[in-house]
Amino acid sequence: MIKYNKERGIQMSAEEMQAVKLNIALIQSDIVLGEPKVNRYRLEQWMEQAMQAETKPDVLVLPEMWNSGYALTQIDELADLQGLESREWLSGFARRHQVNIIGGSVAQKTGSEVRNTMYTYNREGEQSGEYSKIHLFRLMEEEKYLAAGDQRVIFDLEGVAAGASICYDIRFPELARSLALGGAKALFVPAEWPHPRLHHWRTLLTARAIENQMYVIACNRVGVSGKDAFFGHSMIIDPWGEIIAEGSEGEEIVTAGIDFALVDEVRSRIPVFEDRRPGLYEL
C-alpha cells in the first residue's frame, strides 16, 4: 500500500508504480421502495447482462440502499439482519463470475441499529471491505432512522488501495483527502442523489477527483420515489478530472476502462501531496 510521510508526502515503490488496468461497469438501476427481494432480483438481471458484454467487467458497482430504497419509516423491519442475505448473494455472484463487486450499499441491522452499509468483494467472493455511511443526510431524515458509521475504510482492489464513500459523504472533502493520504487511488461512491442537484453532483465528484488526483467512480440510481426524482448520471472520472463515462437519466450499464498508472503520472506531474502544509490547516 502507498505510504504517507508528513515530511515527504506520498511515496511509491517500483512495484506500486506498475500499471493495473480494470474495466468498470456501473449498474444504474431503479429501486422499488421497500421491496428487497424484487430489487435483488432486478439488480441480478442487470449484473448478468453486464457480464455478457464482449469486454467483460473486472468490477461491478451498485447504487446506494438498493435493497430497500429510502423506506425509512419501515427500515427497522426491512433492513437486512447483519447484512447476511446481501453478503451471501454478493459473495456468490462475485465467486461465480470471477468479478470484483462494490456492493453499493444496503440497510443492514445490527442489534437495535440500522446502518447504510457498503460491502465489497474480490473475484473469489471474499469480502474485502465494509463501510457504513459516516455523514447522514438530514434533508432525507437519515439521522432519525439510521446510525452513522464511525470508521474510514480503504480496501484492496486487485492490489490497489481504494476508498469507500456513500452519497452525501462527497460534500465533505476532508474524508476524500484522508483516504487519498491513506493510499487510495480510487474513490467509489454509490448514491441516491436526486434532482434538482445535478450540478452539485457533477461538480463535487469532479472536484474530489482533481484535488486528490485519483479516480472517482460513482453509481447513482434512477427513478422516482415519493417526491424525489433520481437522475442517474453515474460517472467515472479520471485523476485529471476528465469525465470518461457518464450515464443518462434512465436505467443502463455505464462502462469504461481505467488505468491506475495515470494516478501515479498525475501525482508526479503536479505534486500537491508533497506541497501540502497541513500544520497551517488545523483549526
C-alpha atoms as a PDB file:
ATOM      1  CA  MET A   1       0.000   0.000   0.000  1.00  0.00           C
ATOM      2  CA  ILE A   2       1.131   3.590  -0.587  1.00  0.00           C
ATOM      3  CA  LYS A   3       2.715   5.114   2.494  1.00  0.00           C
ATOM      4  CA  TYR A   4       2.203   8.694   3.658  1.00  0.00           C
ATOM      5  CA  ASN A   5       5.042  10.556   5.319  1.00  0.00           C
ATOM      6  CA  LYS A   6       4.457  14.050   6.742  1.00  0.00           C
ATOM      7  CA  GLU A   7       7.834  15.327   5.534  1.00  0.00           C
ATOM      8  CA  ARG A   8       7.963  13.678   2.123  1.00  0.00           C
ATOM      9  CA  GLY A   9       4.318  13.186   1.117  1.00  0.00           C
ATOM     10  CA  ILE A  10       3.128  10.067  -0.688  1.00  0.00           C
ATOM     11  CA  GLN A  11       5.883   7.605  -1.539  1.00  0.00           C
ATOM     12  CA  MET A  12       5.512   4.800  -4.089  1.00  0.00           C
ATOM     13  CA  SER A  13       7.600   1.720  -4.581  1.00  0.00           C
ATOM     14  CA  ALA A  14       8.533   0.392  -8.042  1.00  0.00           C
ATOM     15  CA  GLU A  15       6.007  -2.399  -7.551  1.00  0.00           C
ATOM     16  CA  GLU A  16       3.261   0.118  -6.773  1.00  0.00           C
ATOM     17  CA  MET A  17       4.115   2.033  -9.944  1.00  0.00           C
ATOM     18  CA  GLN A  18       3.176  -0.963 -12.102  1.00  0.00           C
ATOM     19  CA  ALA A  19       0.031  -0.423 -14.142  1.00  0.00           C
ATOM     20  CA  VAL A  20      -3.236  -2.027 -13.077  1.00  0.00           C
ATOM     21  CA  LYS A  21      -5.975  -1.724 -15.706  1.00  0.00           C
ATOM     22  CA  LEU A  22      -9.599  -2.541 -14.918  1.00  0.00           C
ATOM     23  CA  ASN A  23     -12.889  -2.457 -16.788  1.00  0.00           C
ATOM     24  CA  ILE A  24     -15.644  -0.888 -14.685  1.00  0.00           C
ATOM     25  CA  ALA A  25     -19.413  -1.408 -15.046  1.00  0.00           C
ATOM     26  CA  LEU A  26     -21.839   0.791 -13.098  1.00  0.00           C
ATOM     27  CA  ILE A  27     -25.321  -0.685 -12.652  1.00  0.00           C
ATOM     28  CA  GLN A  28     -27.502   2.432 -12.887  1.00  0.00           C
ATOM     29  CA  SER A  29     -30.868   0.945 -11.914  1.00  0.00           C
ATOM     30  CA  ASP A  30     -34.221   1.960 -10.485  1.00  0.00           C
ATOM     31  CA  ILE A  31     -35.079   0.822  -6.943  1.00  0.00           C
ATOM     32  CA  VAL A  32     -38.534  -0.293  -5.792  1.00  0.00           C
ATOM     33  CA  LEU A  33     -39.293   1.274  -2.429  1.00  0.00           C
ATOM     34  CA  GLY A  34     -39.482  -1.267   0.388  1.00  0.00           C
ATOM     35  CA  GLU A  35     -39.049  -4.414  -1.777  1.00  0.00           C
ATOM     36  CA  PRO A  36     -35.659  -6.046  -1.064  1.00  0.00           C
ATOM     37  CA  LYS A  37     -36.385  -9.325  -2.903  1.00  0.00           C
ATOM     38  CA  VAL A  38     -37.676  -7.533  -6.001  1.00  0.00           C
ATOM     39  CA  ASN A  39     -34.678  -5.202  -6.010  1.00  0.00           C
ATOM     40  CA  ARG A  40     -32.183  -8.034  -5.627  1.00  0.00           C
ATOM     41  CA  TYR A  41     -33.809  -9.944  -8.495  1.00  0.00           C
ATOM     42  CA  ARG A  42     -33.820  -6.888 -10.788  1.00  0.00           C
ATOM     43  CA  LEU A  43     -30.221  -5.998  -9.956  1.00  0.00           C
ATOM     44  CA  GLU A  44     -29.079  -9.533 -10.656  1.00  0.00           C
ATOM     45  CA  GLN A  45     -30.607  -9.340 -14.150  1.00  0.00           C
ATOM     46  CA  TRP A  46     -28.615  -6.175 -14.834  1.00  0.00           C
ATOM     47  CA  MET A  47     -25.450  -7.709 -13.392  1.00  0.00           C
ATOM     48  CA  GLU A  48     -25.838 -10.838 -15.540  1.00  0.00           C
ATOM     49  CA  GLN A  49     -26.294  -8.600 -18.567  1.00  0.00           C
ATOM     50  CA  ALA A  50     -23.130  -6.697 -17.702  1.00  0.00           C
ATOM     51  CA  MET A  51     -21.171  -9.952 -17.522  1.00  0.00           C
ATOM     52  CA  GLN A  52     -22.307 -10.896 -21.037  1.00  0.00           C
ATOM     53  CA  ALA A  53     -20.561  -7.900 -22.599  1.00  0.00           C
ATOM     54  CA  GLU A  54     -17.828  -8.533 -25.152  1.00  0.00           C
ATOM     55  CA  THR A  55     -15.420  -6.727 -22.854  1.00  0.00           C
ATOM     56  CA  LYS A  56     -16.191  -8.314 -19.514  1.00  0.00           C
ATOM     57  CA  PRO A  57     -16.053  -6.024 -16.493  1.00  0.00           C
ATOM     58  CA  ASP A  58     -13.473  -6.545 -13.782  1.00  0.00           C
ATOM     59  CA  VAL A  59     -15.545  -4.515 -11.318  1.00  0.00           C
ATOM     60  CA  LEU A  60     -19.313  -4.167 -10.875  1.00  0.00           C
ATOM     61  CA  VAL A  61     -20.618  -1.175  -8.903  1.00  0.00           C
ATOM     62  CA  LEU A  62     -24.170  -0.975  -7.458  1.00  0.00           C
ATOM     63  CA  PRO A  63     -26.172   2.048  -6.206  1.00  0.00           C
ATOM     64  CA  GLU A  64     -26.906   3.150  -2.633  1.00  0.00           C
ATOM     65  CA  MET A  65     -29.594   1.469  -0.480  1.00  0.00           C
ATOM     66  CA  TRP A  66     -30.535  -0.879  -3.306  1.00  0.00           C
ATOM     67  CA  ASN A  67     -32.307  -3.356  -1.043  1.00  0.00           C
ATOM     68  CA  SER A  68     -34.925  -1.043   0.495  1.00  0.00           C
ATOM     69  CA  GLY A  69     -34.603   2.404  -1.008  1.00  0.00           C
ATOM     70  CA  TYR A  70     -35.372   5.223   1.378  1.00  0.00           C
ATOM     71  CA  ALA A  71     -38.332   3.496   3.036  1.00  0.00           C
ATOM     72  CA  LEU A  72     -37.061   4.912   6.298  1.00  0.00           C
ATOM     73  CA  THR A  73     -40.293   4.643   8.296  1.00  0.00           C
ATOM     74  CA  GLN A  74     -40.179   0.870   7.651  1.00  0.00           C
ATOM     75  CA  ILE A  75     -36.412   0.481   7.735  1.00  0.00           C
ATOM     76  CA  ASP A  76     -36.275  -1.385  11.039  1.00  0.00           C
ATOM     77  CA  GLU A  77     -38.335  -4.225   9.512  1.00  0.00           C
ATOM     78  CA  LEU A  78     -36.808  -4.057   6.016  1.00  0.00           C
ATOM     79  CA  ALA A  79     -33.125  -3.921   6.997  1.00  0.00           C
ATOM     80  CA  ASP A  80     -31.011  -6.999   6.304  1.00  0.00           C
ATOM     81  CA  LEU A  81     -30.071  -8.581   9.650  1.00  0.00           C
ATOM     82  CA  GLN A  82     -26.290  -8.140   9.902  1.00  0.00           C
ATOM     83  CA  GLY A  83     -26.324  -7.855   6.108  1.00  0.00           C
ATOM     84  CA  LEU A  84     -26.329 -11.661   5.883  1.00  0.00           C
ATOM     85  CA  GLU A  85     -28.611 -12.113   2.854  1.00  0.00           C
ATOM     86  CA  SER A  86     -26.939  -9.313   0.908  1.00  0.00           C
ATOM     87  CA  ARG A  87     -23.454 -10.522   1.752  1.00  0.00           C
ATOM     88  CA  GLU A  88     -24.199 -14.120   0.774  1.00  0.00           C
ATOM     89  CA  TRP A  89     -25.706 -13.004  -2.535  1.00  0.00           C
ATOM     90  CA  LEU A  90     -22.885 -10.576  -3.409  1.00  0.00           C
ATOM     91  CA  SER A  91     -20.220 -13.103  -2.451  1.00  0.00           C
ATOM     92  CA  GLY A  92     -21.833 -15.845  -4.513  1.00  0.00           C
ATOM     93  CA  PHE A  93     -22.184 -13.674  -7.615  1.00  0.00           C
ATOM     94  CA  ALA A  94     -18.577 -12.470  -7.344  1.00  0.00           C
ATOM     95  CA  ARG A  95     -17.288 -16.040  -7.000  1.00  0.00           C
ATOM     96  CA  ARG A  96     -19.417 -17.476  -9.847  1.00  0.00           C
ATOM     97  CA  HIS A  97     -18.448 -14.747 -12.281  1.00  0.00           C
ATOM     98  CA  GLN A  98     -14.907 -14.096 -11.019  1.00  0.00           C
ATOM     99  CA  VAL A  99     -15.622 -10.361 -10.737  1.00  0.00           C
ATOM    100  CA  ASN A 100     -14.972  -7.738  -8.080  1.00  0.00           C
ATOM    101  CA  ILE A 101     -18.147  -6.178  -6.659  1.00  0.00           C
ATOM    102  CA  ILE A 102     -18.567  -2.814  -4.987  1.00  0.00           C
ATOM    103  CA  GLY A 103     -21.909  -3.707  -3.474  1.00  0.00           C
ATOM    104  CA  GLY A 104     -23.463  -0.245  -3.439  1.00  0.00           C
ATOM    105  CA  SER A 105     -24.995  -0.091  -0.002  1.00  0.00           C
ATOM    106  CA  VAL A 106     -27.805  -1.768   1.890  1.00  0.00           C
ATOM    107  CA  ALA A 107     -29.814  -1.057   5.001  1.00  0.00           C
ATOM    108  CA  GLN A 108     -28.371  -3.546   7.480  1.00  0.00           C
ATOM    109  CA  LYS A 109     -29.390  -4.069  11.080  1.00  0.00           C
ATOM    110  CA  THR A 110     -27.033  -4.975  13.901  1.00  0.00           C
ATOM    111  CA  GLY A 111     -28.624  -5.149  17.341  1.00  0.00           C
ATOM    112  CA  SER A 112     -31.065  -2.237  17.569  1.00  0.00           C
ATOM    113  CA  GLU A 113     -29.271  -0.062  14.999  1.00  0.00           C
ATOM    114  CA  VAL A 114     -29.663   0.183  11.242  1.00  0.00           C
ATOM    115  CA  ARG A 115     -26.762   1.443   9.132  1.00  0.00           C
ATOM    116  CA  ASN A 116     -26.311   2.336   5.475  1.00  0.00           C
ATOM    117  CA  THR A 117     -23.506  -0.091   4.665  1.00  0.00           C
ATOM    118  CA  MET A 118     -21.322  -0.929   1.661  1.00  0.00           C
ATOM    119  CA  TYR A 119     -19.821  -4.410   1.256  1.00  0.00           C
ATOM    120  CA  THR A 120     -17.055  -5.122  -1.269  1.00  0.00           C
ATOM    121  CA  TYR A 121     -15.921  -8.485  -2.665  1.00  0.00           C
ATOM    122  CA  ASN A 122     -12.979  -9.783  -4.673  1.00  0.00           C
ATOM    123  CA  ARG A 123     -13.091 -12.255  -7.557  1.00  0.00           C
ATOM    124  CA  GLU A 124     -13.001 -15.228  -5.171  1.00  0.00           C
ATOM    125  CA  GLY A 125     -16.091 -13.996  -3.352  1.00  0.00           C
ATOM    126  CA  GLU A 126     -14.099 -12.958  -0.296  1.00  0.00           C
ATOM    127  CA  GLN A 127     -15.215  -9.805   1.476  1.00  0.00           C
ATOM    128  CA  SER A 128     -12.577  -7.113   1.011  1.00  0.00           C
ATOM    129  CA  GLY A 129     -14.246  -4.216   2.789  1.00  0.00           C
ATOM    130  CA  GLU A 130     -17.190  -2.937   4.830  1.00  0.00           C
ATOM    131  CA  TYR A 131     -18.068   0.729   5.208  1.00  0.00           C
ATOM    132  CA  SER A 132     -21.046   2.405   6.901  1.00  0.00           C
ATOM    133  CA  LYS A 133     -22.004   5.915   5.799  1.00  0.00           C
ATOM    134  CA  ILE A 134     -20.415   8.465   8.122  1.00  0.00           C
ATOM    135  CA  HIS A 135     -22.415  11.580   7.197  1.00  0.00           C
ATOM    136  CA  LEU A 136     -26.196  11.220   7.487  1.00  0.00           C
ATOM    137  CA  PHE A 137     -28.341  13.391   5.199  1.00  0.00           C
ATOM    138  CA  ARG A 138     -30.801  15.456   7.199  1.00  0.00           C
ATOM    139  CA  LEU A 139     -32.808  16.516   4.146  1.00  0.00           C
ATOM    140  CA  MET A 140     -33.949  12.877   3.891  1.00  0.00           C
ATOM    141  CA  GLU A 141     -34.129  12.496   7.703  1.00  0.00           C
ATOM    142  CA  GLU A 142     -31.497   9.763   7.722  1.00  0.00           C
ATOM    143  CA  GLU A 143     -30.374  10.800  11.191  1.00  0.00           C
ATOM    144  CA  LYS A 144     -33.814   9.933  12.625  1.00  0.00           C
ATOM    145  CA  TYR A 145     -33.740   6.317  11.448  1.00  0.00           C
ATOM    146  CA  LEU A 146     -30.109   5.342  10.802  1.00  0.00           C
ATOM    147  CA  ALA A 147     -26.957   5.132  12.891  1.00  0.00           C
ATOM    148  CA  ALA A 148     -23.848   6.778  11.469  1.00  0.00           C
ATOM    149  CA  GLY A 149     -20.670   4.868  10.745  1.00  0.00           C
ATOM    150  CA  ASP A 150     -17.549   5.886  12.620  1.00  0.00           C
ATOM    151  CA  GLN A 151     -14.652   4.498  10.557  1.00  0.00           C
ATOM    152  CA  ARG A 152     -12.979   5.420   7.280  1.00  0.00           C
ATOM    153  CA  VAL A 153     -12.356   2.442   5.022  1.00  0.00           C
ATOM    154  CA  ILE A 154      -9.688   1.631   2.434  1.00  0.00           C
ATOM    155  CA  PHE A 155      -9.950  -1.770   0.773  1.00  0.00           C
ATOM    156  CA  ASP A 156      -7.849  -3.752  -1.666  1.00  0.00           C
ATOM    157  CA  LEU A 157      -8.898  -3.860  -5.315  1.00  0.00           C
ATOM    158  CA  GLU A 158      -6.612  -6.044  -7.428  1.00  0.00           C
ATOM    159  CA  GLY A 159      -3.630  -4.890  -5.382  1.00  0.00           C
ATOM    160  CA  VAL A 160      -4.628  -1.206  -5.493  1.00  0.00           C
ATOM    161  CA  ALA A 161      -5.916   0.743  -2.489  1.00  0.00           C
ATOM    162  CA  ALA A 162      -9.466   2.073  -2.947  1.00  0.00           C
ATOM    163  CA  GLY A 163     -11.582   4.268  -0.696  1.00  0.00           C
ATOM    164  CA  ALA A 164     -15.259   3.980   0.225  1.00  0.00           C
ATOM    165  CA  SER A 165     -17.759   6.825   0.351  1.00  0.00           C
ATOM    166  CA  ILE A 166     -21.568   6.986   0.127  1.00  0.00           C
ATOM    167  CA  CYS A 167     -23.632   9.777  -1.461  1.00  0.00           C
ATOM    168  CA  TYR A 168     -23.702  12.766   0.973  1.00  0.00           C
ATOM    169  CA  ASP A 169     -20.133  11.910   2.036  1.00  0.00           C
ATOM    170  CA  ILE A 170     -18.807  13.630  -1.096  1.00  0.00           C
ATOM    171  CA  ARG A 171     -19.768  17.025   0.353  1.00  0.00           C
ATOM    172  CA  PHE A 172     -17.013  16.518   2.935  1.00  0.00           C
ATOM    173  CA  PRO A 173     -13.639  16.952   1.192  1.00  0.00           C
ATOM    174  CA  GLU A 174     -11.767  16.027   4.368  1.00  0.00           C
ATOM    175  CA  LEU A 175     -12.957  12.427   4.044  1.00  0.00           C
ATOM    176  CA  ALA A 176     -11.788  12.007   0.456  1.00  0.00           C
ATOM    177  CA  ARG A 177      -8.453  13.692   1.221  1.00  0.00           C
ATOM    178  CA  SER A 178      -7.830  11.452   4.226  1.00  0.00           C
ATOM    179  CA  LEU A 179      -8.466   8.397   2.053  1.00  0.00           C
ATOM    180  CA  ALA A 180      -6.039   9.686  -0.577  1.00  0.00           C
ATOM    181  CA  LEU A 181      -3.420  10.308   2.105  1.00  0.00           C
ATOM    182  CA  GLY A 182      -4.015   6.732   3.268  1.00  0.00           C
ATOM    183  CA  GLY A 183      -3.063   5.487  -0.189  1.00  0.00           C
ATOM    184  CA  ALA A 184      -6.362   5.330  -2.081  1.00  0.00           C
ATOM    185  CA  LYS A 185      -6.075   5.686  -5.866  1.00  0.00           C
ATOM    186  CA  ALA A 186      -9.818   5.417  -6.437  1.00  0.00           C
ATOM    187  CA  LEU A 187     -12.911   6.548  -4.581  1.00  0.00           C
ATOM    188  CA  PHE A 188     -16.126   4.548  -5.031  1.00  0.00           C
ATOM    189  CA  VAL A 189     -19.404   6.396  -4.428  1.00  0.00           C
ATOM    190  CA  PRO A 190     -22.788   4.616  -4.534  1.00  0.00           C
ATOM    191  CA  ALA A 191     -25.601   7.155  -4.296  1.00  0.00           C
ATOM    192  CA  GLU A 192     -29.266   8.091  -4.363  1.00  0.00           C
ATOM    193  CA  TRP A 193     -28.758  11.708  -5.462  1.00  0.00           C
ATOM    194  CA  PRO A 194     -31.926  13.482  -6.676  1.00  0.00           C
ATOM    195  CA  HIS A 195     -32.971  16.455  -8.759  1.00  0.00           C
ATOM    196  CA  PRO A 196     -32.524  19.414  -8.640  1.00  0.00           C
ATOM    197  CA  ARG A 197     -28.887  18.982  -7.535  1.00  0.00           C
ATOM    198  CA  LEU A 198     -27.309  17.554 -10.716  1.00  0.00           C
ATOM    199  CA  HIS A 199     -24.846  20.461 -10.915  1.00  0.00           C
ATOM    200  CA  HIS A 200     -23.690  19.756  -7.346  1.00  0.00           C
ATOM    201  CA  TRP A 201     -23.281  16.048  -8.132  1.00  0.00           C
ATOM    202  CA  ARG A 202     -21.099  16.604 -11.180  1.00  0.00           C
ATOM    203  CA  THR A 203     -19.086  19.428  -9.605  1.00  0.00           C
ATOM    204  CA  LEU A 204     -18.381  17.722  -6.285  1.00  0.00           C
ATOM    205  CA  LEU A 205     -17.365  14.420  -7.844  1.00  0.00           C
ATOM    206  CA  THR A 206     -15.063  16.177 -10.314  1.00  0.00           C
ATOM    207  CA  ALA A 207     -13.523  18.277  -7.551  1.00  0.00           C
ATOM    208  CA  ARG A 208     -12.804  15.195  -5.428  1.00  0.00           C
ATOM    209  CA  ALA A 209     -11.009  13.625  -8.400  1.00  0.00           C
ATOM    210  CA  ILE A 210      -8.927  16.715  -9.241  1.00  0.00           C
ATOM    211  CA  GLU A 211      -7.884  17.691  -5.731  1.00  0.00           C
ATOM    212  CA  ASN A 212      -6.955  14.125  -4.739  1.00  0.00           C
ATOM    213  CA  GLN A 213      -5.564  13.080  -8.135  1.00  0.00           C
ATOM    214  CA  MET A 214      -7.480   9.819  -8.138  1.00  0.00           C
ATOM    215  CA  TYR A 215     -10.295   8.084  -9.979  1.00  0.00           C
ATOM    216  CA  VAL A 216     -13.787   8.816  -8.704  1.00  0.00           C
ATOM    217  CA  ILE A 217     -16.313   6.127  -9.642  1.00  0.00           C
ATOM    218  CA  ALA A 218     -19.897   6.988  -8.723  1.00  0.00           C
ATOM    219  CA  CYS A 219     -23.052   4.923  -9.280  1.00  0.00           C
ATOM    220  CA  ASN A 220     -26.344   6.794  -8.835  1.00  0.00           C
ATOM    221  CA  ARG A 221     -29.835   5.318  -9.020  1.00  0.00           C
ATOM    222  CA  VAL A 222     -32.630   6.448 -11.342  1.00  0.00           C
ATOM    223  CA  GLY A 223     -36.410   6.550 -10.975  1.00  0.00           C
ATOM    224  CA  VAL A 224     -38.961   8.278  -8.772  1.00  0.00           C
ATOM    225  CA  SER A 225     -39.576   7.542  -5.098  1.00  0.00           C
ATOM    226  CA  GLY A 226     -42.184   9.642  -3.346  1.00  0.00           C
ATOM    227  CA  LYS A 227     -41.395  13.282  -4.040  1.00  0.00           C
ATOM    228  CA  ASP A 228     -37.817  12.570  -5.121  1.00  0.00           C
ATOM    229  CA  ALA A 229     -36.715  12.007  -8.718  1.00  0.00           C
ATOM    230  CA  PHE A 230     -33.258  10.461  -9.100  1.00  0.00           C
ATOM    231  CA  PHE A 231     -31.315  11.445 -12.191  1.00  0.00           C
ATOM    232  CA  GLY A 232     -28.632   8.808 -12.701  1.00  0.00           C
ATOM    233  CA  HIS A 233     -25.634  10.425 -14.417  1.00  0.00           C
ATOM    234  CA  SER A 234     -23.367   7.783 -12.909  1.00  0.00           C
ATOM    235  CA  MET A 235     -19.809   8.801 -13.697  1.00  0.00           C
ATOM    236  CA  ILE A 236     -16.244   7.563 -13.994  1.00  0.00           C
ATOM    237  CA  ILE A 237     -13.804  10.452 -13.623  1.00  0.00           C
ATOM    238  CA  ASP A 238     -10.053  10.225 -14.109  1.00  0.00           C
ATOM    239  CA  PRO A 239      -7.346  11.844 -11.904  1.00  0.00           C
ATOM    240  CA  TRP A 240      -7.198  14.886 -14.226  1.00  0.00           C
ATOM    241  CA  GLY A 241     -10.893  15.484 -13.583  1.00  0.00           C
ATOM    242  CA  GLU A 242     -11.923  14.320 -17.044  1.00  0.00           C
ATOM    243  CA  ILE A 243     -15.291  12.531 -17.176  1.00  0.00           C
ATOM    244  CA  ILE A 244     -14.543   9.391 -19.186  1.00  0.00           C
ATOM    245  CA  ALA A 245     -18.030   7.891 -18.861  1.00  0.00           C
ATOM    246  CA  GLU A 246     -21.397   9.304 -17.795  1.00  0.00           C
ATOM    247  CA  GLY A 247     -24.873   7.814 -17.739  1.00  0.00           C
ATOM    248  CA  SER A 248     -28.184   9.238 -18.896  1.00  0.00           C
ATOM    249  CA  GLU A 249     -31.277   9.568 -16.677  1.00  0.00           C
ATOM    250  CA  GLY A 250     -32.565   6.051 -17.413  1.00  0.00           C
ATOM    251  CA  GLU A 251     -31.640   2.528 -16.385  1.00  0.00           C
ATOM    252  CA  GLU A 252     -28.436   1.398 -18.066  1.00  0.00           C
ATOM    253  CA  ILE A 253     -24.954  -0.024 -17.582  1.00  0.00           C
ATOM    254  CA  VAL A 254     -22.235   2.633 -17.697  1.00  0.00           C
ATOM    255  CA  THR A 255     -18.785   1.318 -18.606  1.00  0.00           C
ATOM    256  CA  ALA A 256     -15.205   2.482 -19.031  1.00  0.00           C
ATOM    257  CA  GLY A 257     -11.673   1.195 -18.637  1.00  0.00           C
ATOM    258  CA  ILE A 258      -9.306   2.754 -16.102  1.00  0.00           C
ATOM    259  CA  ASP A 259      -5.527   2.586 -15.748  1.00  0.00           C
ATOM    260  CA  PHE A 260      -4.050   3.257 -12.313  1.00  0.00           C
ATOM    261  CA  ALA A 261      -0.714   4.227 -13.878  1.00  0.00           C
ATOM    262  CA  LEU A 262      -2.435   7.533 -14.674  1.00  0.00           C
ATOM    263  CA  VAL A 263      -2.792   8.230 -10.953  1.00  0.00           C
ATOM    264  CA  ASP A 264       0.958   7.865 -10.494  1.00  0.00           C
ATOM    265  CA  GLU A 265       1.608  10.072 -13.525  1.00  0.00           C
ATOM    266  CA  VAL A 266      -0.684  12.884 -12.375  1.00  0.00           C
ATOM    267  CA  ARG A 267       0.673  12.817  -8.827  1.00  0.00           C
ATOM    268  CA  SER A 268       4.243  13.021 -10.114  1.00  0.00           C
ATOM    269  CA  ARG A 269       3.497  15.875 -12.523  1.00  0.00           C
ATOM    270  CA  ILE A 270       1.615  18.077 -10.040  1.00  0.00           C
ATOM    271  CA  PRO A 271       2.992  17.164  -6.586  1.00  0.00           C
ATOM    272  CA  VAL A 272       0.180  18.522  -4.422  1.00  0.00           C
ATOM    273  CA  PHE A 273       0.723  15.940  -1.700  1.00  0.00           C
ATOM    274  CA  GLU A 274       4.375  16.916  -1.341  1.00  0.00           C
ATOM    275  CA  ASP A 275       3.460  20.636  -1.323  1.00  0.00           C
ATOM    276  CA  ARG A 276       0.822  20.383   1.396  1.00  0.00           C
ATOM    277  CA  ARG A 277       1.327  22.432   4.584  1.00  0.00           C
ATOM    278  CA  PRO A 278      -1.031  20.631   6.975  1.00  0.00           C
ATOM    279  CA  GLY A 279       0.244  22.498  10.025  1.00  0.00           C
ATOM    280  CA  LEU A 280      -1.399  25.645   8.673  1.00  0.00           C
ATOM    281  CA  TYR A 281      -4.769  23.980   8.032  1.00  0.00           C
ATOM    282  CA  GLU A 282      -5.501  22.808  11.563  1.00  0.00           C
ATOM    283  CA  LEU A 283      -8.157  24.845  13.413  1.00  0.00           C
END
